[in-house]
Amino acid sequence: MVRLVESMVGDHPARPCLVLSNVPDAGGLERARDMGVPTAVVNHRDHKGDREGFETALISEIDRHDPDIIALAGFMRILTPLFIDHYAGRMLNIHPSLLPKYRGLDTHARAIAAGDAQAGCTVHEVTAELDGGPILGQARVPIAPGDTPETLAARVLVQEHRLYPAVLRRFATGDRTRLDL
């Protein structure tokens, strides 16, 4: 999130209008406030067992700020069609694998266990299929002998910080062609 906000300056075609978290003490909220970006929290725990209520509250808060694009970053909740359909064609996410490989969690450990030569990250459009929307960009990282999930994750994160801002810039201009770094 910080890299996205930092990138949206100068001639960038987008500006951040809100950083929203479902975790009240998320560190990114303070960082966003420090950068002058409005923040809000919709705590999923306040909606225990009521996913539709949670997503309705999210939509209400987001729509108050009238965004053109929703850029998910570290939002670890599976979204339902209610939310996804509301923002169809306007929502991006980043995933720490070379999709379509390793959808879901534990991506780095799974890539290492499989003996893959490369790992990486993918920015994709969000659709109802988990980590299955159109791929807008990917960055690759070699898996080194002796890598652990943590060491690999650290190298992938460097690429995430390059890839996501680049894809967001293109997406904001209407360019949905794939970018490979």
N, C-alpha and C. Protein backbone atom coordinates (compact mmCIF):
# COMPACT_ATOMS: atom_id res chain seq x y z
N MET A 1 0.83 -1.19 0.00
CA MET A 1 0.00 0.00 0.00
C MET A 1 0.87 1.25 0.00
N VAL A 2 1.90 1.25 0.82
CA VAL A 2 2.77 2.42 0.89
C VAL A 2 3.40 2.70 -0.48
N ARG A 3 3.88 1.67 -1.16
CA ARG A 3 4.51 1.88 -2.47
C ARG A 3 3.50 2.42 -3.48
N LEU A 4 2.26 1.96 -3.41
CA LEU A 4 1.24 2.48 -4.32
C LEU A 4 0.99 3.96 -4.07
N VAL A 5 0.81 4.33 -2.81
CA VAL A 5 0.57 5.74 -2.48
C VAL A 5 1.77 6.58 -2.88
N GLU A 6 2.97 6.11 -2.59
CA GLU A 6 4.17 6.86 -2.96
C GLU A 6 4.28 7.06 -4.47
N SER A 7 3.76 6.11 -5.23
CA SER A 7 3.89 6.20 -6.68
C SER A 7 2.90 7.18 -7.31
N MET A 8 1.82 7.49 -6.62
CA MET A 8 0.75 8.30 -7.20
C MET A 8 1.00 9.80 -6.99
N VAL A 9 2.08 10.27 -7.60
CA VAL A 9 2.45 11.68 -7.54
C VAL A 9 2.79 12.16 -8.95
N GLY A 10 3.00 13.45 -9.06
CA GLY A 10 3.44 14.01 -10.34
C GLY A 10 2.46 13.72 -11.46
N ASP A 11 2.95 13.13 -12.54
CA ASP A 11 2.10 12.89 -13.70
C ASP A 11 1.32 11.57 -13.62
N HIS A 12 1.34 10.92 -12.48
CA HIS A 12 0.57 9.67 -12.31
C HIS A 12 -0.91 9.98 -12.55
N PRO A 13 -1.61 9.13 -13.29
CA PRO A 13 -3.01 9.41 -13.61
C PRO A 13 -3.99 9.12 -12.48
N ALA A 14 -3.52 8.66 -11.32
CA ALA A 14 -4.41 8.35 -10.20
C ALA A 14 -3.89 9.02 -8.94
N ARG A 15 -4.80 9.21 -8.01
CA ARG A 15 -4.47 9.74 -6.68
C ARG A 15 -5.19 8.90 -5.64
N PRO A 16 -4.52 8.64 -4.51
CA PRO A 16 -5.18 7.86 -3.46
C PRO A 16 -6.27 8.68 -2.79
N CYS A 17 -7.43 8.08 -2.58
CA CYS A 17 -8.52 8.80 -1.92
C CYS A 17 -8.90 8.16 -0.58
N LEU A 18 -8.43 6.93 -0.33
CA LEU A 18 -8.77 6.24 0.92
C LEU A 18 -7.88 5.03 1.09
N VAL A 19 -7.43 4.80 2.32
CA VAL A 19 -6.84 3.53 2.71
C VAL A 19 -7.79 2.94 3.73
N LEU A 20 -8.33 1.79 3.42
CA LEU A 20 -9.33 1.12 4.26
C LEU A 20 -8.76 -0.22 4.72
N SER A 21 -8.96 -0.51 5.99
CA SER A 21 -8.51 -1.79 6.53
C SER A 21 -9.64 -2.45 7.30
N ASN A 22 -9.57 -3.77 7.36
CA ASN A 22 -10.50 -4.52 8.20
C ASN A 22 -9.87 -4.85 9.55
N VAL A 23 -8.63 -4.38 9.75
CA VAL A 23 -7.89 -4.62 10.99
C VAL A 23 -7.60 -3.26 11.63
N PRO A 24 -8.21 -2.96 12.77
CA PRO A 24 -8.09 -1.62 13.35
C PRO A 24 -6.66 -1.18 13.65
N ASP A 25 -5.77 -2.09 13.99
CA ASP A 25 -4.40 -1.68 14.33
C ASP A 25 -3.40 -1.97 13.21
N ALA A 26 -3.88 -2.08 11.98
CA ALA A 26 -2.99 -2.30 10.84
C ALA A 26 -2.00 -1.14 10.72
N GLY A 27 -0.72 -1.47 10.61
CA GLY A 27 0.32 -0.46 10.51
C GLY A 27 0.16 0.48 9.33
N GLY A 28 -0.43 -0.01 8.26
CA GLY A 28 -0.61 0.81 7.07
C GLY A 28 -1.52 2.01 7.29
N LEU A 29 -2.41 1.92 8.26
CA LEU A 29 -3.31 3.04 8.52
C LEU A 29 -2.54 4.27 9.00
N GLU A 30 -1.62 4.06 9.91
CA GLU A 30 -0.81 5.17 10.40
C GLU A 30 0.09 5.71 9.28
N ARG A 31 0.66 4.81 8.51
CA ARG A 31 1.51 5.25 7.39
C ARG A 31 0.70 6.10 6.41
N ALA A 32 -0.52 5.65 6.10
CA ALA A 32 -1.37 6.41 5.18
C ALA A 32 -1.69 7.79 5.75
N ARG A 33 -2.06 7.85 7.02
CA ARG A 33 -2.36 9.15 7.65
C ARG A 33 -1.13 10.06 7.58
N ASP A 34 0.05 9.48 7.82
CA ASP A 34 1.29 10.26 7.75
C ASP A 34 1.53 10.81 6.35
N MET A 35 1.01 10.12 5.34
CA MET A 35 1.17 10.56 3.95
C MET A 35 -0.01 11.42 3.49
N GLY A 36 -0.93 11.73 4.40
CA GLY A 36 -2.04 12.61 4.07
C GLY A 36 -3.21 11.94 3.38
N VAL A 37 -3.29 10.62 3.46
CA VAL A 37 -4.38 9.90 2.81
C VAL A 37 -5.46 9.58 3.87
N PRO A 38 -6.72 9.88 3.57
CA PRO A 38 -7.79 9.52 4.51
C PRO A 38 -7.80 8.02 4.77
N THR A 39 -8.17 7.64 5.99
CA THR A 39 -8.23 6.24 6.36
C THR A 39 -9.57 5.91 6.98
N ALA A 40 -9.89 4.62 6.95
CA ALA A 40 -11.10 4.13 7.60
C ALA A 40 -10.89 2.66 7.96
N VAL A 41 -11.69 2.20 8.89
CA VAL A 41 -11.66 0.80 9.31
C VAL A 41 -13.08 0.26 9.30
N VAL A 42 -13.24 -0.89 8.70
CA VAL A 42 -14.46 -1.68 8.82
C VAL A 42 -14.00 -3.02 9.36
N ASN A 43 -14.13 -3.19 10.65
CA ASN A 43 -13.61 -4.38 11.33
C ASN A 43 -14.50 -5.58 11.03
N HIS A 44 -13.92 -6.60 10.41
CA HIS A 44 -14.70 -7.79 10.07
C HIS A 44 -15.21 -8.50 11.32
N ARG A 45 -14.55 -8.32 12.44
CA ARG A 45 -14.99 -8.96 13.69
C ARG A 45 -16.32 -8.40 14.18
N ASP A 46 -16.62 -7.18 13.80
CA ASP A 46 -17.91 -6.59 14.17
C ASP A 46 -19.07 -7.21 13.39
N HIS A 47 -18.74 -8.01 12.39
CA HIS A 47 -19.76 -8.63 11.51
C HIS A 47 -19.64 -10.15 11.53
N LYS A 48 -19.21 -10.69 12.65
CA LYS A 48 -18.96 -12.13 12.76
C LYS A 48 -20.18 -12.92 12.26
N GLY A 49 -19.92 -13.79 11.28
CA GLY A 49 -20.99 -14.62 10.73
C GLY A 49 -21.89 -13.91 9.74
N ASP A 50 -21.61 -12.65 9.45
CA ASP A 50 -22.45 -11.88 8.53
C ASP A 50 -21.57 -11.26 7.45
N ARG A 51 -21.12 -12.10 6.54
CA ARG A 51 -20.22 -11.63 5.48
C ARG A 51 -20.87 -10.56 4.62
N GLU A 52 -22.16 -10.74 4.32
CA GLU A 52 -22.86 -9.74 3.51
C GLU A 52 -22.91 -8.39 4.24
N GLY A 53 -23.14 -8.42 5.55
CA GLY A 53 -23.14 -7.18 6.33
C GLY A 53 -21.78 -6.50 6.32
N PHE A 54 -20.72 -7.31 6.45
CA PHE A 54 -19.37 -6.78 6.40
C PHE A 54 -19.09 -6.13 5.05
N GLU A 55 -19.42 -6.84 3.99
CA GLU A 55 -19.13 -6.30 2.66
C GLU A 55 -20.00 -5.09 2.33
N THR A 56 -21.22 -5.07 2.82
CA THR A 56 -22.08 -3.90 2.63
C THR A 56 -21.48 -2.69 3.33
N ALA A 57 -20.93 -2.91 4.54
CA ALA A 57 -20.28 -1.82 5.26
C ALA A 57 -19.02 -1.35 4.52
N LEU A 58 -18.25 -2.30 3.97
CA LEU A 58 -17.08 -1.93 3.16
C LEU A 58 -17.49 -1.06 1.97
N ILE A 59 -18.49 -1.53 1.25
CA ILE A 59 -18.96 -0.81 0.06
C ILE A 59 -19.41 0.60 0.43
N SER A 60 -20.15 0.71 1.52
CA SER A 60 -20.65 2.01 1.96
C SER A 60 -19.49 2.97 2.24
N GLU A 61 -18.49 2.48 2.95
CA GLU A 61 -17.34 3.34 3.28
C GLU A 61 -16.54 3.69 2.03
N ILE A 62 -16.29 2.72 1.18
CA ILE A 62 -15.52 2.98 -0.04
C ILE A 62 -16.26 3.96 -0.94
N ASP A 63 -17.55 3.74 -1.14
CA ASP A 63 -18.31 4.57 -2.07
C ASP A 63 -18.43 6.02 -1.61
N ARG A 64 -18.30 6.27 -0.32
CA ARG A 64 -18.30 7.66 0.18
C ARG A 64 -17.13 8.46 -0.42
N HIS A 65 -16.09 7.76 -0.87
CA HIS A 65 -14.89 8.40 -1.41
C HIS A 65 -14.85 8.35 -2.94
N ASP A 66 -15.81 7.69 -3.56
CA ASP A 66 -15.99 7.67 -5.02
C ASP A 66 -14.72 7.29 -5.80
N PRO A 67 -14.10 6.16 -5.48
CA PRO A 67 -12.88 5.79 -6.20
C PRO A 67 -13.16 5.25 -7.60
N ASP A 68 -12.21 5.46 -8.48
CA ASP A 68 -12.28 4.86 -9.82
C ASP A 68 -11.70 3.45 -9.82
N ILE A 69 -10.72 3.22 -8.95
CA ILE A 69 -10.01 1.94 -8.90
C ILE A 69 -9.91 1.50 -7.44
N ILE A 70 -10.06 0.22 -7.21
CA ILE A 70 -9.82 -0.38 -5.90
C ILE A 70 -8.55 -1.22 -6.04
N ALA A 71 -7.52 -0.88 -5.27
CA ALA A 71 -6.26 -1.62 -5.31
C ALA A 71 -6.09 -2.33 -3.97
N LEU A 72 -6.32 -3.63 -3.96
CA LEU A 72 -6.17 -4.41 -2.74
C LEU A 72 -4.69 -4.63 -2.47
N ALA A 73 -4.32 -4.57 -1.20
CA ALA A 73 -2.93 -4.80 -0.81
C ALA A 73 -2.94 -5.31 0.63
N GLY A 74 -2.70 -6.58 0.78
CA GLY A 74 -2.68 -7.15 2.12
C GLY A 74 -4.05 -7.37 2.71
N PHE A 75 -5.08 -7.33 1.91
CA PHE A 75 -6.44 -7.57 2.38
C PHE A 75 -6.70 -9.07 2.29
N MET A 76 -6.64 -9.73 3.42
CA MET A 76 -6.65 -11.20 3.44
C MET A 76 -8.03 -11.77 3.74
N ARG A 77 -9.03 -11.29 3.02
CA ARG A 77 -10.39 -11.81 3.16
C ARG A 77 -10.86 -12.23 1.77
N ILE A 78 -11.53 -13.36 1.71
CA ILE A 78 -12.12 -13.78 0.44
C ILE A 78 -13.39 -12.97 0.24
N LEU A 79 -13.50 -12.33 -0.90
CA LEU A 79 -14.64 -11.48 -1.21
C LEU A 79 -15.70 -12.26 -1.97
N THR A 80 -16.94 -11.91 -1.73
CA THR A 80 -18.07 -12.58 -2.38
C THR A 80 -18.48 -11.81 -3.64
N PRO A 81 -19.34 -12.42 -4.44
CA PRO A 81 -19.82 -11.72 -5.64
C PRO A 81 -20.50 -10.38 -5.33
N LEU A 82 -21.10 -10.23 -4.16
CA LEU A 82 -21.71 -8.95 -3.80
C LEU A 82 -20.69 -7.82 -3.95
N PHE A 83 -19.52 -7.99 -3.37
CA PHE A 83 -18.48 -6.97 -3.41
C PHE A 83 -17.81 -6.93 -4.78
N ILE A 84 -17.45 -8.08 -5.28
CA ILE A 84 -16.72 -8.15 -6.56
C ILE A 84 -17.55 -7.57 -7.70
N ASP A 85 -18.83 -7.90 -7.75
CA ASP A 85 -19.68 -7.37 -8.82
C ASP A 85 -19.85 -5.86 -8.72
N HIS A 86 -19.87 -5.34 -7.50
CA HIS A 86 -20.03 -3.89 -7.31
C HIS A 86 -18.86 -3.12 -7.93
N TYR A 87 -17.68 -3.71 -7.90
CA TYR A 87 -16.48 -3.04 -8.42
C TYR A 87 -15.90 -3.75 -9.66
N ALA A 88 -16.71 -4.50 -10.34
CA ALA A 88 -16.25 -5.27 -11.50
C ALA A 88 -15.52 -4.39 -12.51
N GLY A 89 -14.34 -4.88 -12.91
CA GLY A 89 -13.54 -4.16 -13.90
C GLY A 89 -12.73 -3.02 -13.32
N ARG A 90 -12.83 -2.79 -12.00
CA ARG A 90 -12.13 -1.66 -11.37
C ARG A 90 -11.26 -2.08 -10.20
N MET A 91 -11.09 -3.40 -9.99
CA MET A 91 -10.40 -3.86 -8.79
C MET A 91 -9.19 -4.70 -9.13
N LEU A 92 -8.06 -4.35 -8.50
CA LEU A 92 -6.79 -5.05 -8.69
C LEU A 92 -6.36 -5.70 -7.39
N ASN A 93 -5.53 -6.73 -7.52
CA ASN A 93 -4.91 -7.35 -6.35
C ASN A 93 -3.53 -7.84 -6.76
N ILE A 94 -2.68 -8.01 -5.77
CA ILE A 94 -1.37 -8.60 -6.00
C ILE A 94 -1.32 -9.91 -5.23
N HIS A 95 -0.67 -10.90 -5.86
CA HIS A 95 -0.58 -12.23 -5.25
C HIS A 95 0.88 -12.69 -5.33
N PRO A 96 1.40 -13.28 -4.25
CA PRO A 96 2.81 -13.65 -4.22
C PRO A 96 3.12 -15.00 -4.86
N SER A 97 2.68 -15.18 -6.09
CA SER A 97 3.09 -16.34 -6.88
C SER A 97 2.92 -16.00 -8.35
N LEU A 98 3.43 -16.89 -9.19
CA LEU A 98 3.26 -16.72 -10.63
C LEU A 98 1.97 -17.43 -11.02
N LEU A 99 0.87 -16.71 -10.84
CA LEU A 99 -0.43 -17.31 -11.17
C LEU A 99 -0.42 -17.77 -12.61
N PRO A 100 -1.09 -18.86 -12.91
CA PRO A 100 -2.10 -19.54 -12.11
C PRO A 100 -1.55 -20.52 -11.07
N LYS A 101 -0.23 -20.63 -10.93
CA LYS A 101 0.32 -21.51 -9.90
C LYS A 101 0.07 -20.95 -8.51
N TYR A 102 -0.19 -21.81 -7.59
CA TYR A 102 -0.22 -21.52 -6.16
C TYR A 102 -1.18 -20.40 -5.77
N ARG A 103 -2.43 -20.59 -6.13
CA ARG A 103 -3.47 -19.70 -5.64
C ARG A 103 -3.62 -19.92 -4.14
N GLY A 104 -4.09 -18.93 -3.44
CA GLY A 104 -4.31 -19.08 -2.00
C GLY A 104 -3.06 -18.78 -1.20
N LEU A 105 -2.90 -19.51 -0.10
CA LEU A 105 -1.86 -19.21 0.89
C LEU A 105 -0.61 -20.07 0.73
N ASP A 106 0.41 -19.76 1.50
CA ASP A 106 1.66 -20.52 1.59
C ASP A 106 2.36 -20.69 0.24
N THR A 107 2.31 -19.67 -0.56
CA THR A 107 2.81 -19.76 -1.94
C THR A 107 4.31 -20.03 -2.02
N HIS A 108 5.09 -19.39 -1.16
CA HIS A 108 6.54 -19.54 -1.24
C HIS A 108 6.96 -20.95 -0.82
N ALA A 109 6.38 -21.44 0.25
CA ALA A 109 6.69 -22.82 0.69
C ALA A 109 6.28 -23.82 -0.37
N ARG A 110 5.16 -23.59 -1.01
CA ARG A 110 4.68 -24.52 -2.03
C ARG A 110 5.60 -24.53 -3.25
N ALA A 111 6.08 -23.35 -3.66
CA ALA A 111 7.00 -23.28 -4.81
C ALA A 111 8.32 -23.97 -4.50
N ILE A 112 8.83 -23.77 -3.30
CA ILE A 112 10.09 -24.43 -2.90
C ILE A 112 9.89 -25.94 -2.85
N ALA A 113 8.81 -26.38 -2.22
CA ALA A 113 8.54 -27.82 -2.08
C ALA A 113 8.38 -28.50 -3.44
N ALA A 114 7.86 -27.76 -4.41
CA ALA A 114 7.65 -28.32 -5.74
C ALA A 114 8.94 -28.38 -6.55
N GLY A 115 10.00 -27.76 -6.05
CA GLY A 115 11.27 -27.74 -6.78
C GLY A 115 11.29 -26.76 -7.94
N ASP A 116 10.41 -25.75 -7.89
CA ASP A 116 10.37 -24.76 -8.96
C ASP A 116 11.68 -23.99 -9.04
N ALA A 117 12.03 -23.58 -10.24
CA ALA A 117 13.23 -22.78 -10.44
C ALA A 117 12.96 -21.30 -10.20
N GLN A 118 11.69 -20.90 -10.35
CA GLN A 118 11.32 -19.50 -10.21
C GLN A 118 10.06 -19.36 -9.38
N ALA A 119 9.96 -18.24 -8.74
CA ALA A 119 8.74 -17.81 -8.07
C ALA A 119 8.49 -16.38 -8.53
N GLY A 120 7.61 -15.70 -7.87
CA GLY A 120 7.38 -14.31 -8.25
C GLY A 120 6.06 -13.81 -7.74
N CYS A 121 5.56 -12.80 -8.42
CA CYS A 121 4.29 -12.19 -8.02
C CYS A 121 3.49 -11.84 -9.26
N THR A 122 2.20 -11.68 -9.02
CA THR A 122 1.26 -11.40 -10.10
C THR A 122 0.28 -10.32 -9.67
N VAL A 123 0.07 -9.33 -10.51
CA VAL A 123 -1.02 -8.39 -10.32
C VAL A 123 -2.12 -8.84 -11.28
N HIS A 124 -3.32 -8.96 -10.72
CA HIS A 124 -4.45 -9.43 -11.53
C HIS A 124 -5.70 -8.64 -11.22
N GLU A 125 -6.60 -8.67 -12.16
CA GLU A 125 -7.91 -8.09 -11.93
C GLU A 125 -8.68 -9.05 -11.03
N VAL A 126 -9.44 -8.52 -10.10
CA VAL A 126 -10.20 -9.36 -9.17
C VAL A 126 -11.52 -9.77 -9.81
N THR A 127 -11.74 -11.08 -9.80
CA THR A 127 -13.00 -11.65 -10.26
C THR A 127 -13.49 -12.62 -9.19
N ALA A 128 -14.62 -13.25 -9.44
CA ALA A 128 -15.19 -14.17 -8.45
C ALA A 128 -14.31 -15.41 -8.24
N GLU A 129 -13.45 -15.72 -9.19
CA GLU A 129 -12.56 -16.88 -9.04
C GLU A 129 -11.34 -16.48 -8.22
N LEU A 130 -11.10 -17.14 -7.10
CA LEU A 130 -10.00 -16.80 -6.21
C LEU A 130 -8.67 -16.76 -6.96
N ASP A 131 -8.02 -15.61 -6.94
CA ASP A 131 -6.73 -15.41 -7.60
C ASP A 131 -6.78 -15.85 -9.06
N GLY A 132 -7.93 -15.66 -9.70
CA GLY A 132 -8.12 -16.17 -11.05
C GLY A 132 -8.47 -15.15 -12.10
N GLY A 133 -8.45 -13.87 -11.76
CA GLY A 133 -8.80 -12.86 -12.74
C GLY A 133 -7.71 -12.67 -13.78
N PRO A 134 -8.00 -11.89 -14.82
CA PRO A 134 -7.01 -11.65 -15.87
C PRO A 134 -5.69 -11.13 -15.29
N ILE A 135 -4.60 -11.70 -15.76
CA ILE A 135 -3.26 -11.31 -15.30
C ILE A 135 -2.85 -10.02 -16.01
N LEU A 136 -2.48 -9.02 -15.21
CA LEU A 136 -2.07 -7.73 -15.76
C LEU A 136 -0.57 -7.53 -15.70
N GLY A 137 0.11 -8.32 -14.88
CA GLY A 137 1.55 -8.22 -14.79
C GLY A 137 2.15 -9.28 -13.90
N GLN A 138 3.40 -9.63 -14.21
CA GLN A 138 4.13 -10.59 -13.38
C GLN A 138 5.60 -10.18 -13.31
N ALA A 139 6.20 -10.52 -12.18
CA ALA A 139 7.64 -10.35 -12.00
C ALA A 139 8.19 -11.66 -11.45
N ARG A 140 9.32 -12.09 -11.97
CA ARG A 140 9.90 -13.39 -11.61
C ARG A 140 11.13 -13.20 -10.72
N VAL A 141 11.33 -14.19 -9.84
CA VAL A 141 12.47 -14.22 -8.93
C VAL A 141 13.00 -15.64 -8.94
N PRO A 142 14.31 -15.84 -9.13
CA PRO A 142 14.83 -17.21 -9.07
C PRO A 142 14.75 -17.75 -7.64
N ILE A 143 14.48 -19.04 -7.55
CA ILE A 143 14.53 -19.71 -6.26
C ILE A 143 15.95 -20.23 -6.08
N ALA A 144 16.61 -19.75 -5.05
CA ALA A 144 18.02 -20.09 -4.81
C ALA A 144 18.12 -21.35 -3.95
N PRO A 145 19.20 -22.11 -4.13
CA PRO A 145 19.42 -23.25 -3.23
C PRO A 145 19.44 -22.76 -1.78
N GLY A 146 18.78 -23.47 -0.92
CA GLY A 146 18.74 -23.09 0.49
C GLY A 146 17.70 -22.04 0.83
N ASP A 147 16.93 -21.59 -0.16
CA ASP A 147 15.87 -20.63 0.14
C ASP A 147 14.90 -21.21 1.15
N THR A 148 14.42 -20.35 2.02
CA THR A 148 13.31 -20.67 2.90
C THR A 148 12.11 -19.86 2.42
N PRO A 149 10.92 -20.18 2.88
CA PRO A 149 9.79 -19.32 2.50
C PRO A 149 10.04 -17.85 2.86
N GLU A 150 10.72 -17.61 3.96
CA GLU A 150 10.97 -16.23 4.39
C GLU A 150 11.98 -15.51 3.49
N THR A 151 13.06 -16.18 3.12
CA THR A 151 14.06 -15.52 2.26
C THR A 151 13.49 -15.27 0.87
N LEU A 152 12.73 -16.25 0.38
CA LEU A 152 12.09 -16.08 -0.93
C LEU A 152 11.06 -14.96 -0.88
N ALA A 153 10.25 -14.93 0.18
CA ALA A 153 9.24 -13.88 0.31
C ALA A 153 9.87 -12.49 0.31
N ALA A 154 11.01 -12.35 0.94
CA ALA A 154 11.68 -11.05 0.99
C ALA A 154 12.10 -10.59 -0.40
N ARG A 155 12.61 -11.51 -1.23
CA ARG A 155 13.01 -11.14 -2.59
C ARG A 155 11.79 -10.88 -3.48
N VAL A 156 10.74 -11.64 -3.28
CA VAL A 156 9.51 -11.42 -4.06
C VAL A 156 8.91 -10.05 -3.70
N LEU A 157 8.97 -9.69 -2.43
CA LEU A 157 8.41 -8.40 -2.00
C LEU A 157 9.07 -7.23 -2.72
N VAL A 158 10.36 -7.32 -2.97
CA VAL A 158 11.06 -6.26 -3.72
C VAL A 158 10.41 -6.11 -5.10
N GLN A 159 10.09 -7.22 -5.73
CA GLN A 159 9.46 -7.18 -7.05
C GLN A 159 8.01 -6.71 -6.98
N GLU A 160 7.32 -7.08 -5.91
CA GLU A 160 5.94 -6.60 -5.72
C GLU A 160 5.92 -5.08 -5.69
N HIS A 161 6.91 -4.50 -5.01
CA HIS A 161 6.98 -3.04 -4.88
C HIS A 161 7.31 -2.36 -6.21
N ARG A 162 7.88 -3.08 -7.15
CA ARG A 162 8.12 -2.54 -8.50
C ARG A 162 6.91 -2.76 -9.40
N LEU A 163 6.37 -3.99 -9.33
CA LEU A 163 5.32 -4.39 -10.27
C LEU A 163 3.98 -3.69 -10.03
N TYR A 164 3.51 -3.70 -8.79
CA TYR A 164 2.15 -3.20 -8.53
C TYR A 164 2.02 -1.72 -8.92
N PRO A 165 2.94 -0.84 -8.52
CA PRO A 165 2.79 0.55 -8.96
C PRO A 165 2.82 0.70 -10.49
N ALA A 166 3.65 -0.07 -11.16
CA ALA A 166 3.72 0.01 -12.63
C ALA A 166 2.41 -0.43 -13.27
N VAL A 167 1.83 -1.50 -12.77
CA VAL A 167 0.56 -1.98 -13.32
C VAL A 167 -0.56 -1.00 -13.00
N LEU A 168 -0.57 -0.48 -11.77
CA LEU A 168 -1.61 0.49 -11.40
C LEU A 168 -1.57 1.71 -12.31
N ARG A 169 -0.39 2.21 -12.59
CA ARG A 169 -0.26 3.38 -13.49
C ARG A 169 -0.89 3.07 -14.85
N ARG A 170 -0.55 1.92 -15.40
CA ARG A 170 -1.09 1.54 -16.71
C ARG A 170 -2.60 1.34 -16.64
N PHE A 171 -3.07 0.66 -15.61
CA PHE A 171 -4.50 0.39 -15.44
C PHE A 171 -5.29 1.70 -15.36
N ALA A 172 -4.74 2.70 -14.67
CA ALA A 172 -5.41 3.98 -14.51
C ALA A 172 -5.58 4.72 -15.83
N THR A 173 -4.75 4.37 -16.83
CA THR A 173 -4.89 4.99 -18.15
C THR A 173 -5.73 4.14 -19.09
N GLY A 174 -6.22 3.00 -18.59
CA GLY A 174 -7.03 2.11 -19.42
C GLY A 174 -6.24 1.02 -20.08
N ASP A 175 -4.94 0.94 -19.82
CA ASP A 175 -4.08 -0.05 -20.44
C ASP A 175 -4.12 -1.34 -19.62
N ARG A 176 -4.71 -2.38 -20.19
CA ARG A 176 -4.82 -3.65 -19.49
C ARG A 176 -3.91 -4.72 -20.13
N THR A 177 -2.95 -4.26 -20.94
CA THR A 177 -2.01 -5.22 -21.52
C THR A 177 -1.08 -5.70 -20.42
N ARG A 178 -0.63 -6.90 -20.57
CA ARG A 178 0.21 -7.54 -19.56
C ARG A 178 1.60 -6.92 -19.53
N LEU A 179 2.11 -6.72 -18.32
CA LEU A 179 3.46 -6.20 -18.11
C LEU A 179 4.27 -7.27 -17.40
N ASP A 180 5.40 -7.65 -17.99
CA ASP A 180 6.29 -8.62 -17.35
C ASP A 180 7.60 -7.94 -17.03
N LEU A 181 7.98 -7.99 -15.77
CA LEU A 181 9.24 -7.39 -15.32
C LEU A 181 10.27 -8.47 -15.09
